[in-house]
Amino acid sequence: MTVLVAVVVAVTLWWLLADPAASVPAPSPGVGGGVGSVRGEMLRTALAAGAAVGAAVTLMLAFRRQHPRRSPPRTPPTTRPSAG
């Protein structure tokens, strides 16, 4: 599960950083503007995507634990008549 979350974070971050518009600074580099804040938001988005995948896997495992698969019904053992 850890590997899956790490892959989702890495792919999302790569996808966001590959956008050429992300390297352009914000038009008004005032308070909270600039390339650094854009990259920070990208990192936040990638980590949120990883957290969402981790939460979904955790919910799936919890659901499987609460609702186990049902096995087919057992047939009762047959008894042999006693010879006697």
Foldseek 3Di string as FASTA:
>chain_A
DVVVLVVQLVVQLVVLVVDPVLQDWDPDCDPQTTSVNSSVVSNVVSNVRSVVVVVVVVVVVVVCVVPPDDDDDDDDDDDDDDDD
